[in-house]
Amino acid sequence: MQSVVKALYLSGYRMRLTFEDGATRDVDLEAHLQGEVFLPLRNLRRFRRFRVDPDLDTVVWENGADLSPDFLYEEGIPVQEQSRRSKARRGRARKPRSGRPAKPAPSRTSTAAAIR
């Protein structure tokens, strides 16, 4: 059984959840807010007021609504793959636009010191 240890509001009905096993997943709950206990959460102000209940190991709302952590895990989209791509992009050197080698960075030596 999964356990939610951290929850962060993203936008709309989306949240980013971190699970006890270290997995981070983004889940969009808009389509799942049906039934008497979940209908009030269609109001975004109410939806955003969630917290992680350490006794239930999942996300809960003020009105008593909660969702199974296993359901949240299955519905969520892993964030790790997205993070790896971002890190890879940041680590790459930029190619010059014209196809020519990039010019070296200007020297930090002042012009006056260079003349002496």
Protein backbone atom coordinates (compact mmCIF):
# COMPACT_ATOMS: atom_id res chain seq x y z
CA MET A 1 0.00 0.00 0.00
CA GLN A 2 1.25 3.47 -0.92
CA SER A 3 1.53 6.40 1.52
CA VAL A 4 1.40 10.07 0.57
CA VAL A 5 4.03 12.06 2.46
CA LYS A 6 3.84 15.43 0.68
CA ALA A 7 1.24 17.24 -1.44
CA LEU A 8 1.62 20.46 -3.41
CA TYR A 9 -1.11 22.32 -5.28
CA LEU A 10 -0.22 22.92 -8.95
CA SER A 11 -3.22 24.43 -10.76
CA GLY A 12 -6.85 23.65 -11.50
CA TYR A 13 -7.55 20.28 -9.91
CA ARG A 14 -3.93 19.13 -10.18
CA MET A 15 -1.54 18.36 -7.38
CA ARG A 16 1.97 16.97 -7.10
CA LEU A 17 2.25 14.11 -4.64
CA THR A 18 5.33 12.54 -3.13
CA PHE A 19 4.97 9.00 -1.87
CA GLU A 20 6.81 7.11 0.84
CA ASP A 21 8.81 5.17 -1.77
CA GLY A 22 10.22 8.48 -3.08
CA ALA A 23 8.10 8.57 -6.25
CA THR A 24 6.66 11.95 -7.23
CA ARG A 25 3.53 12.02 -9.38
CA ASP A 26 1.24 14.69 -10.77
CA VAL A 27 -2.43 13.84 -10.56
CA ASP A 28 -5.42 15.65 -12.08
CA LEU A 29 -8.55 14.94 -10.06
CA GLU A 30 -11.09 16.99 -12.03
CA ALA A 31 -12.81 13.94 -13.55
CA HIS A 32 -12.95 12.20 -10.17
CA LEU A 33 -14.75 14.88 -8.16
CA GLN A 34 -18.16 13.21 -8.28
CA GLY A 35 -20.52 12.11 -5.56
CA GLU A 36 -21.86 13.87 -2.50
CA VAL A 37 -18.58 14.23 -0.61
CA PHE A 38 -16.53 15.36 -3.63
CA LEU A 39 -18.94 17.82 -5.30
CA PRO A 40 -18.04 20.67 -2.88
CA LEU A 41 -14.43 20.29 -4.01
CA ARG A 42 -15.36 21.45 -7.52
CA ASN A 43 -15.03 24.90 -5.94
CA LEU A 44 -11.30 25.55 -6.43
CA ARG A 45 -11.01 27.50 -3.17
CA ARG A 46 -12.22 24.43 -1.30
CA PHE A 47 -10.20 22.02 -3.43
CA ARG A 48 -6.97 23.90 -2.69
CA ARG A 49 -7.45 23.46 1.08
CA PHE A 50 -6.13 19.91 1.26
CA ARG A 51 -3.50 18.48 3.57
CA VAL A 52 -1.71 15.21 4.10
CA ASP A 53 -3.15 13.27 7.04
CA PRO A 54 -0.29 11.22 8.56
CA ASP A 55 -2.76 8.79 10.16
CA LEU A 56 -4.52 8.03 6.87
CA ASP A 57 -1.36 8.40 4.72
CA THR A 58 -3.27 10.34 2.09
CA VAL A 59 -4.66 13.71 1.06
CA VAL A 60 -7.75 14.90 2.96
CA TRP A 61 -10.03 17.92 2.78
CA GLU A 62 -11.88 19.93 5.44
CA ASN A 63 -15.22 18.33 4.54
CA GLY A 64 -13.90 14.83 5.33
CA ALA A 65 -13.23 13.80 1.73
CA ASP A 66 -10.15 11.70 1.05
CA LEU A 67 -8.83 9.44 -1.70
CA SER A 68 -7.00 6.16 -1.46
CA PRO A 69 -3.23 6.66 -1.75
CA ASP A 70 -3.11 3.63 -4.09
CA PHE A 71 -5.68 5.30 -6.36
CA LEU A 72 -3.66 8.54 -6.36
CA TYR A 73 -0.48 6.62 -7.20
CA GLU A 74 -2.11 4.81 -10.12
CA GLU A 75 -3.77 7.97 -11.49
CA GLY A 76 -0.62 10.06 -11.15
CA ILE A 77 1.87 10.66 -13.92
CA PRO A 78 5.50 10.17 -12.82
CA VAL A 79 7.44 13.43 -12.54
CA GLN A 80 10.93 11.85 -12.55
CA GLU A 81 11.01 11.46 -16.33
CA GLN A 82 10.10 15.12 -16.76
CA SER A 83 12.80 16.14 -14.25
CA ARG A 84 15.46 14.08 -16.01
CA ARG A 85 14.68 15.77 -19.31
CA SER A 86 14.92 19.23 -17.75
CA LYS A 87 18.26 18.43 -16.12
CA ALA A 88 19.63 17.03 -19.38
CA ARG A 89 18.64 20.21 -21.22
CA ARG A 90 20.30 22.43 -18.62
CA GLY A 91 23.50 20.39 -18.79
CA ARG A 92 23.97 20.67 -22.57
CA ALA A 93 26.23 23.32 -24.05
CA ARG A 94 24.50 25.70 -26.39
CA LYS A 95 25.37 25.51 -30.05
CA PRO A 96 26.26 28.74 -31.84
CA ARG A 97 23.38 29.98 -33.98
CA SER A 98 25.40 30.58 -37.14
CA GLY A 99 27.16 27.24 -37.12
CA ARG A 100 30.48 28.99 -36.44
CA PRO A 101 32.37 28.34 -33.23
CA ALA A 102 31.31 30.52 -30.35
CA LYS A 103 33.50 33.53 -29.59
CA PRO A 104 35.46 33.28 -26.37
CA ALA A 105 34.10 35.26 -23.44
CA PRO A 106 35.65 38.72 -23.05
CA SER A 107 38.59 38.89 -20.70
CA ARG A 108 37.99 40.30 -17.24
CA THR A 109 41.20 42.30 -17.47
CA SER A 110 40.48 45.96 -17.93
CA THR A 111 41.69 47.74 -21.06
CA ALA A 112 43.99 50.00 -19.04
CA ALA A 113 45.69 47.03 -17.40
CA ALA A 114 46.08 45.31 -20.75
CA ILE A 115 47.89 48.33 -22.26
CA ARG A 116 50.54 48.45 -19.51
